Protein backbone atom coordinates (compact mmCIF):
# COMPACT_ATOMS: atom_id res chain seq x y z
CA MET A 1 -63.06 1.61 -16.89
CA SER A 2 -64.63 -0.37 -19.77
CA SER A 3 -67.75 -1.93 -20.96
CA SER A 4 -68.86 -4.98 -22.84
CA THR A 5 -69.43 -5.18 -26.55
CA PRO A 6 -71.95 -3.02 -28.06
CA SER A 7 -74.39 -5.97 -29.22
CA SER A 8 -74.76 -6.83 -25.59
CA GLN A 9 -75.92 -3.40 -24.51
CA PRO A 10 -79.64 -2.97 -24.23
CA ASP A 11 -81.12 0.30 -25.03
CA PRO A 12 -84.15 1.25 -23.00
CA GLN A 13 -85.64 3.99 -24.77
CA ARG A 14 -85.10 1.97 -27.89
CA ASP A 15 -86.41 -1.19 -26.52
CA GLY A 16 -89.39 0.76 -24.82
CA VAL A 17 -90.86 2.42 -27.62
CA LYS A 18 -91.06 -1.03 -29.66
CA GLU A 19 -92.06 -3.44 -26.97
CA ARG A 20 -95.03 -1.44 -26.05
CA THR A 21 -96.67 -2.51 -29.29
CA HIS A 22 -97.75 -5.83 -27.78
CA LEU A 23 -100.48 -6.39 -25.09
CA GLY A 24 -98.24 -8.76 -23.04
CA LEU A 25 -95.82 -6.13 -22.49
CA ARG A 26 -98.01 -3.75 -21.27
CA ILE A 27 -99.18 -6.48 -18.68
CA ASP A 28 -95.66 -7.20 -17.88
CA ASP A 29 -94.98 -3.49 -17.56
CA ALA A 30 -98.06 -3.24 -15.21
CA TRP A 31 -96.95 -6.20 -13.17
CA HIS A 32 -93.51 -5.08 -12.89
CA SER A 33 -94.62 -1.75 -11.63
CA VAL A 34 -96.60 -3.45 -8.91
CA GLN A 35 -93.47 -5.69 -7.87
CA THR A 36 -91.01 -2.63 -7.92
CA ASN A 37 -93.30 -0.57 -5.65
CA VAL A 38 -93.75 -3.16 -3.12
CA ALA A 39 -90.27 -4.05 -2.82
CA ILE A 40 -89.23 -0.64 -2.70
CA LYS A 41 -91.78 0.02 0.25
CA ARG A 42 -90.27 -3.31 2.04
CA GLY A 43 -86.65 -1.53 1.80
CA HIS A 44 -85.24 -4.22 -0.72
CA VAL A 45 -82.12 -3.53 -2.47
CA GLU A 46 -80.72 -4.40 -5.79
CA THR A 47 -78.86 -7.83 -5.52
CA ILE A 48 -76.90 -9.68 -8.13
CA ILE A 49 -77.88 -13.52 -8.51
CA PRO A 50 -74.78 -14.83 -10.45
CA TYR A 51 -74.50 -17.48 -13.06
CA THR A 52 -71.69 -19.56 -14.25
CA GLY A 53 -70.06 -17.83 -17.17
CA TYR A 54 -67.84 -19.10 -19.78
CA GLY A 55 -65.03 -17.46 -22.13
CA SER A 56 -61.83 -18.02 -24.11
CA ALA A 57 -58.64 -16.80 -23.94
CA THR A 58 -59.36 -13.50 -25.17
CA TRP A 59 -63.03 -12.92 -23.93
CA ILE A 60 -65.65 -13.79 -21.24
CA ARG A 61 -69.56 -14.23 -21.18
CA VAL A 62 -71.05 -12.76 -18.04
CA LEU A 63 -74.10 -13.86 -16.84
CA ALA A 64 -76.64 -12.62 -14.05
CA ARG A 65 -79.95 -11.53 -12.78
CA VAL A 66 -80.30 -8.29 -10.96
CA VAL A 67 -83.23 -8.09 -8.48
CA LEU A 68 -84.91 -6.15 -5.61
CA ALA A 69 -84.13 -8.73 -2.56
CA ASP A 70 -84.48 -8.46 1.21
CA PRO A 71 -81.31 -7.34 2.73
CA VAL A 72 -81.76 -9.66 5.79
CA GLU A 73 -81.47 -12.41 3.41
CA MET A 74 -78.34 -11.55 2.38
CA ALA A 75 -76.41 -11.97 5.53
CA PRO A 76 -73.09 -13.72 5.59
CA ILE A 77 -73.46 -17.76 6.31
CA LYS A 78 -71.52 -18.04 9.39
CA GLY A 79 -68.99 -15.64 8.60
CA GLY A 80 -68.49 -16.82 5.03
CA GLU A 81 -68.67 -14.65 2.02
CA VAL A 82 -71.33 -16.21 0.05
CA LEU A 83 -74.81 -14.61 0.72
CA LYS A 84 -77.72 -16.86 1.40
CA THR A 85 -79.80 -15.55 -1.29
CA ILE A 86 -76.94 -16.34 -3.71
CA LYS A 87 -76.40 -19.80 -2.28
CA GLU A 88 -79.91 -21.17 -1.96
CA GLY A 89 -81.63 -18.61 -4.53
CA ILE A 90 -84.87 -17.07 -4.01
CA ARG A 91 -87.13 -19.84 -2.99
CA GLY A 92 -90.89 -20.64 -4.26
CA TRP A 93 -93.18 -17.89 -5.00
CA ARG A 94 -90.67 -15.26 -3.88
CA ASN A 95 -88.58 -16.29 -6.73
CA PHE A 96 -91.96 -15.60 -8.86
CA THR A 97 -92.60 -12.25 -7.10
CA SER A 98 -88.97 -10.56 -6.84
CA ALA A 99 -88.96 -7.71 -8.88
CA PRO A 100 -86.18 -7.63 -11.92
CA VAL A 101 -84.29 -4.41 -11.62
CA ARG A 102 -84.96 -3.16 -15.79
CA TYR A 103 -81.70 -1.99 -17.18
CA ALA A 104 -79.69 -2.31 -13.82
CA LYS A 105 -76.14 -0.85 -14.05
CA VAL A 106 -73.72 -3.62 -12.89
CA THR A 107 -69.86 -3.29 -12.35
CA VAL A 108 -67.83 -6.15 -13.25
CA GLU A 109 -64.22 -6.85 -12.08
CA ILE A 110 -62.18 -9.24 -14.01
CA ASP A 111 -58.46 -9.95 -12.80
CA GLY A 112 -58.36 -6.20 -11.36
CA GLU A 113 -59.89 -4.51 -14.11
CA ILE A 114 -63.22 -2.92 -13.69
CA HIS A 115 -66.20 -2.83 -16.51
CA GLU A 116 -69.67 -1.72 -16.62
CA VAL A 117 -72.34 -3.64 -18.00
CA THR A 118 -76.17 -3.33 -18.39
CA ALA A 119 -79.01 -5.64 -17.69
CA ASP A 120 -81.76 -6.01 -20.21
CA ARG A 121 -85.51 -5.26 -19.21
CA GLY A 122 -85.71 -8.71 -17.52
CA GLY A 123 -82.92 -7.86 -15.27
CA ILE A 124 -80.69 -10.53 -17.07
CA VAL A 125 -76.96 -9.66 -17.70
CA ASP A 126 -75.57 -11.10 -20.45
CA ALA A 127 -72.43 -9.43 -21.87
CA ARG A 128 -69.40 -10.29 -23.66
CA ILE A 129 -66.32 -8.71 -22.04
CA ASP A 130 -62.60 -8.45 -23.59
CA ALA A 131 -60.20 -10.15 -20.72
CA GLN A 132 -57.44 -12.72 -21.17
CA LEU A 133 -57.39 -15.27 -18.35
CA ALA A 134 -55.67 -18.79 -18.33
CA PRO A 135 -57.79 -21.94 -19.00
CA GLY A 136 -59.91 -23.30 -16.52
CA TRP A 137 -61.93 -22.02 -13.69
CA HIS A 138 -61.82 -18.37 -12.15
CA THR A 139 -63.84 -15.90 -9.88
CA ILE A 140 -65.30 -12.60 -11.07
CA LYS A 141 -67.11 -9.90 -8.91
CA LEU A 142 -70.01 -8.18 -9.80
CA ARG A 143 -71.39 -5.29 -8.02
CA SER A 144 -74.71 -3.60 -7.95
CA ALA A 145 -75.72 -0.20 -7.89
CA ASP A 146 -76.51 -0.74 -4.06
CA ASP A 147 -73.31 -1.71 -3.39
CA ILE A 148 -73.87 -5.41 -3.04
CA LEU A 149 -70.80 -7.48 -4.00
CA VAL A 150 -70.94 -11.09 -5.27
CA GLU A 151 -68.63 -13.44 -7.09
CA SER A 152 -69.44 -15.64 -10.22
CA PRO A 153 -67.49 -18.41 -11.57
CA VAL A 154 -66.31 -18.49 -15.11
CA ARG A 155 -64.98 -21.50 -17.25
CA ILE A 156 -62.36 -20.42 -19.66
CA ILE A 157 -62.13 -22.80 -22.47
CA GLU A 158 -58.39 -23.73 -23.41
CA SER A 159 -57.64 -22.46 -27.17
CA GLY A 160 -57.29 -25.69 -29.30
CA THR A 161 -60.08 -27.57 -27.51
CA THR A 162 -61.97 -29.63 -30.26
CA PHE A 163 -64.56 -31.49 -28.20
CA GLY A 164 -67.12 -30.49 -25.70
CA VAL A 165 -70.83 -31.58 -24.64
CA VAL A 166 -74.14 -29.69 -24.55
CA SER A 167 -76.46 -31.49 -22.85
CA ASP A 168 -80.51 -30.72 -22.35
CA ILE A 169 -81.83 -30.60 -18.49
CA ASP A 170 -85.49 -31.77 -18.62
CA ASP A 171 -85.93 -35.29 -19.26
CA THR A 172 -82.53 -35.79 -20.18
CA VAL A 173 -80.24 -35.42 -17.00
CA MET A 174 -83.25 -34.87 -14.68
CA VAL A 175 -86.52 -36.18 -14.47
CA THR A 176 -89.84 -34.62 -13.11
CA ALA A 177 -92.95 -36.33 -13.09
CA LEU A 178 -95.05 -33.83 -14.27
CA PRO A 179 -97.21 -32.85 -17.26
CA ARG A 180 -95.06 -30.07 -19.46
CA PRO A 181 -97.77 -27.72 -18.87
CA PHE A 182 -97.47 -28.04 -15.30
CA LEU A 183 -93.75 -28.09 -15.26
CA ALA A 184 -92.90 -24.53 -15.69
CA ALA A 185 -94.97 -23.37 -12.63
CA TRP A 186 -93.52 -26.44 -10.73
CA ASN A 187 -90.01 -25.08 -11.52
CA THR A 188 -91.33 -21.65 -10.55
CA PHE A 189 -92.77 -22.20 -7.34
CA VAL A 190 -90.90 -25.41 -6.14
CA LEU A 191 -87.33 -24.84 -6.27
CA ASP A 192 -86.03 -27.92 -3.92
CA GLU A 193 -83.73 -30.05 -5.76
CA HIS A 194 -84.76 -32.88 -3.83
CA ALA A 195 -88.26 -32.91 -5.80
CA ARG A 196 -86.32 -33.91 -8.85
CA ALA A 197 -84.86 -37.24 -9.87
CA ALA A 198 -81.55 -37.86 -11.50
CA THR A 199 -81.45 -39.90 -14.72
CA PRO A 200 -79.85 -43.16 -14.42
CA GLY A 201 -76.38 -43.12 -15.48
CA MET A 202 -76.21 -40.02 -17.13
CA ALA A 203 -73.96 -38.36 -14.28
CA VAL A 204 -71.41 -41.28 -14.67
CA LEU A 205 -71.45 -40.38 -18.39
CA LEU A 206 -70.52 -36.94 -18.39
CA GLU A 207 -67.97 -37.57 -15.39
CA ARG A 208 -66.44 -40.17 -17.46
CA ILE A 209 -65.97 -37.78 -20.62
CA THR A 210 -64.44 -34.83 -18.57
CA GLN A 211 -62.25 -37.54 -16.94
CA GLU A 212 -61.16 -38.98 -20.28
CA THR A 213 -60.87 -35.50 -21.80
CA PRO A 214 -60.02 -33.11 -18.90
CA GLY A 215 -60.48 -29.88 -21.22
CA ALA A 216 -63.65 -30.85 -22.76
CA PRO A 217 -66.51 -28.11 -21.48
CA VAL A 218 -69.73 -29.18 -20.16
CA LEU A 219 -72.75 -26.93 -21.22
CA TYR A 220 -76.15 -27.36 -20.07
CA LEU A 221 -79.03 -25.80 -22.52
CA SER A 222 -82.43 -25.57 -21.61
CA THR A 223 -85.43 -23.71 -21.98
CA GLY A 224 -86.13 -23.18 -18.46
CA ALA A 225 -86.20 -19.68 -16.95
CA TRP A 226 -82.95 -18.11 -15.50
CA ASN A 227 -84.94 -17.84 -12.13
CA VAL A 228 -84.71 -21.53 -11.37
CA ALA A 229 -80.70 -21.57 -12.01
CA PRO A 230 -79.69 -21.83 -8.48
CA ALA A 231 -82.08 -24.91 -8.02
CA LEU A 232 -80.59 -26.37 -10.98
CA THR A 233 -77.23 -25.90 -9.69
CA ARG A 234 -77.44 -27.57 -6.24
CA PHE A 235 -79.26 -30.19 -8.39
CA LEU A 236 -76.49 -31.16 -10.60
CA SER A 237 -73.84 -30.50 -7.98
CA ARG A 238 -75.87 -33.01 -5.44
CA ASN A 239 -76.05 -35.63 -8.14
CA LEU A 240 -72.66 -35.49 -9.18
CA TYR A 241 -73.04 -33.83 -12.54
CA PRO A 242 -69.94 -31.80 -14.08
CA ALA A 243 -69.94 -28.09 -13.15
CA GLY A 244 -70.51 -26.07 -16.21
CA PRO A 245 -72.41 -23.12 -17.48
CA LYS A 246 -76.37 -23.11 -17.88
CA LEU A 247 -77.93 -21.29 -20.94
CA LEU A 248 -81.01 -20.59 -19.82
CA THR A 249 -83.73 -17.95 -21.02
CA ASP A 250 -86.59 -15.34 -20.03
CA TRP A 251 -89.68 -16.26 -20.32
CA GLY A 252 -91.00 -12.74 -20.46
CA PRO A 253 -93.00 -11.61 -23.41
CA THR A 254 -91.43 -10.13 -26.99
CA ARG A 255 -92.61 -7.26 -29.09
CA ASP A 256 -94.62 -9.85 -31.27
CA ARG A 257 -95.50 -12.69 -28.94
CA TRP A 258 -96.74 -13.60 -25.16
CA PHE A 259 -93.68 -15.92 -24.28
CA ARG A 260 -90.29 -16.33 -26.04
CA SER A 261 -89.89 -19.30 -28.11
CA GLY A 262 -88.01 -22.19 -26.14
CA PRO A 263 -86.89 -24.04 -29.58
CA GLU A 264 -85.58 -20.61 -30.62
CA HIS A 265 -83.53 -20.22 -27.71
CA LYS A 266 -81.71 -23.60 -28.23
CA ARG A 267 -81.36 -23.04 -32.11
CA SER A 268 -79.67 -19.54 -31.34
CA SER A 269 -77.55 -20.94 -28.48
CA LEU A 270 -76.14 -23.70 -30.46
CA LYS A 271 -75.54 -21.29 -33.53
CA ARG A 272 -73.50 -18.72 -30.96
CA LEU A 273 -71.36 -21.93 -29.70
CA ALA A 274 -70.69 -22.64 -32.95
CA GLY A 275 -69.13 -19.04 -33.70
CA GLU A 276 -67.59 -18.74 -30.44
CA PHE A 277 -65.64 -22.19 -30.72
CA PRO A 278 -65.60 -22.84 -34.38
CA ASP A 279 -62.77 -25.77 -33.55
CA ILE A 280 -65.12 -27.58 -30.92
CA LYS A 281 -67.04 -30.77 -31.96
CA TRP A 282 -70.16 -31.16 -29.53
CA LEU A 283 -71.55 -34.02 -28.36
CA LEU A 284 -75.04 -32.92 -28.25
CA ILE A 285 -77.50 -35.04 -25.79
CA GLY A 286 -81.20 -34.68 -25.24
CA ASP A 287 -84.39 -36.61 -25.50
CA ASN A 288 -86.86 -37.82 -27.99
CA GLY A 289 -89.22 -35.59 -26.70
CA GLN A 290 -90.88 -32.87 -29.04
CA HIS A 291 -88.04 -30.57 -29.96
CA ASP A 292 -84.37 -31.87 -29.41
CA GLU A 293 -84.03 -34.47 -32.20
CA GLU A 294 -85.12 -31.72 -34.57
CA ILE A 295 -83.16 -28.71 -33.03
CA TYR A 296 -79.96 -30.89 -32.94
CA ALA A 297 -80.69 -32.47 -36.49
CA ASP A 298 -81.12 -28.67 -38.02
CA PHE A 299 -77.83 -27.78 -35.98
CA ALA A 300 -76.16 -30.65 -37.29
CA ASP A 301 -77.21 -30.10 -40.92
CA HIS A 302 -76.07 -26.42 -41.00
CA TYR A 303 -72.83 -26.78 -38.95
CA PRO A 304 -71.71 -30.29 -39.49
CA GLN A 305 -67.92 -29.52 -38.91
CA ASN A 306 -69.27 -28.85 -35.20
CA VAL A 307 -70.83 -31.69 -34.38
CA ARG A 308 -69.34 -34.98 -33.11
CA ALA A 309 -72.38 -37.02 -32.22
CA VAL A 310 -75.90 -36.77 -31.07
CA ALA A 311 -77.12 -38.87 -28.51
CA ILE A 312 -80.95 -38.92 -27.54
CA ARG A 313 -82.38 -40.54 -24.42
CA GLN A 314 -85.45 -42.55 -25.24
CA LEU A 315 -88.42 -41.58 -22.93
CA THR A 316 -90.35 -44.06 -21.19
CA MET A 317 -94.07 -44.31 -22.22
CA GLY A 318 -95.23 -42.25 -19.35
CA GLU A 319 -92.45 -39.81 -19.52
CA ALA A 320 -93.38 -39.38 -23.08
CA VAL A 321 -97.27 -38.54 -22.17
CA LEU A 322 -95.97 -36.20 -19.38
CA ALA A 323 -93.66 -34.49 -22.22
CA GLY A 324 -96.50 -34.15 -24.82
CA GLY A 325 -95.41 -36.69 -26.85
CA ARG A 326 -92.48 -38.26 -28.55
CA SER A 327 -91.04 -36.87 -31.68
CA ASN A 328 -91.82 -38.04 -35.13
CA ALA A 329 -88.52 -36.91 -36.70
CA LYS A 330 -85.85 -38.90 -38.47
CA PRO A 331 -83.15 -36.65 -38.11
CA SER A 332 -80.06 -39.39 -38.88
CA SER A 333 -81.46 -39.27 -42.50
CA ARG A 334 -80.49 -35.78 -42.68
CA THR A 335 -76.96 -36.10 -41.19
CA PRO A 336 -75.88 -39.27 -42.49
CA ASN A 337 -72.15 -38.24 -41.46
CA ILE A 338 -72.84 -37.59 -37.68
CA PRO A 339 -73.58 -40.68 -35.76
CA TRP A 340 -76.78 -40.74 -33.54
CA VAL A 341 -77.33 -43.06 -30.77
CA TYR A 342 -80.47 -43.76 -28.60
CA ALA A 343 -80.74 -45.41 -25.08
CA PRO A 344 -83.08 -45.19 -22.16
CA ASP A 345 -80.34 -44.27 -20.03
CA GLY A 346 -76.66 -42.96 -19.63
CA ALA A 347 -75.25 -46.52 -19.57
CA GLY A 348 -76.81 -47.37 -22.74
CA MET A 349 -75.56 -44.08 -24.21
CA SER A 350 -72.29 -44.69 -22.74
CA ALA A 351 -71.71 -48.26 -24.58
CA GLN A 352 -72.75 -46.97 -27.76
CA LEU A 353 -70.54 -44.01 -27.64
CA ALA A 354 -67.54 -46.34 -26.67
CA ASP A 355 -68.28 -48.35 -30.15
CA LEU A 356 -67.87 -45.00 -31.63
CA GLY A 357 -64.82 -44.00 -30.32
CA ILE A 358 -65.85 -41.29 -28.49
CA ILE A 359 -65.22 -42.67 -24.83
CA ASP A 360 -62.68 -45.28 -23.82
CA HIS A 361 -64.30 -48.99 -23.73
CA SER A 362 -61.33 -49.36 -20.97
CA PHE A 363 -62.88 -47.01 -18.77
CA GLN A 364 -63.04 -47.92 -15.10
CA GLU A 365 -65.38 -46.03 -12.62
CA PRO A 366 -63.46 -44.51 -9.61
CA ALA A 367 -64.26 -47.11 -6.18
CA GLU A 368 -66.82 -45.56 -3.84
């Protein structure tokens, strides 16, 4: 049995000493204690919510969340192996109140080899494990301390891949007509994918890219919390978006602030991708709300060798108001050698990306 790389392993004793210096963490600890006590009294068990991972020919990044959940909800569906909790997610207010299992031990089976990883204080497993798998999609197995076994998809990116897509989610591929201050609550308590609308033409654009460049990975980068990942997966699948890993975040407090920084999560994720896949030039897709343009411009400025182009969805006036306004950034002047395209929908982006030679003008959409 092996373990993940040391950098990905939380240290409960170290983290506990430092984190308790902030009031937000003390409140979080108190709430977590209540959640855990209630869950234990109800007979809930440690279960794993798996998220889509990714990797290269020599390693994979395993992503999951460990929570205390009702064992009744984890009954197989009509003899299948997919658990109800995993297939549908923990819905509504239960998603918010389900107790994460801090520093939980998780056993990971990859191609017959066993590894042990540790969750962080939020129950999030984010571990890089050495493994040798062929390019394409694979399934790995995750087992909790209460012997709940689940499967997780992993996308292995082929060596030599030179193009990929990183796309924002909210207001880019998906529209929820709510003010941003209420969006977090909506995503937490209302996890029905039918309550969201797909941005016109965006699924066609991303599917077009994957058909023209079969090896190109598509990753979805969002400031949303990990607990909405199952609903996002269902939404993307239902609206025919290409499957791909979702890079979300934990909204919990840190050692020096009440909530984690969403923009910083995006910046650090992009920087990590540049280090993990130095040969890939990314098409970065976002919107002209308050942050994406600045974040993408900063990344393109520091890692121009890793950016093929930036595509920005232009928000409508109503969407801009709900998003807190439009960005005043003028990013293209900072990155003169990297093309920027602007359009209100996927069709407009497709036309401009075709003009740049990033996608093919002659592409024919498949017949329905």
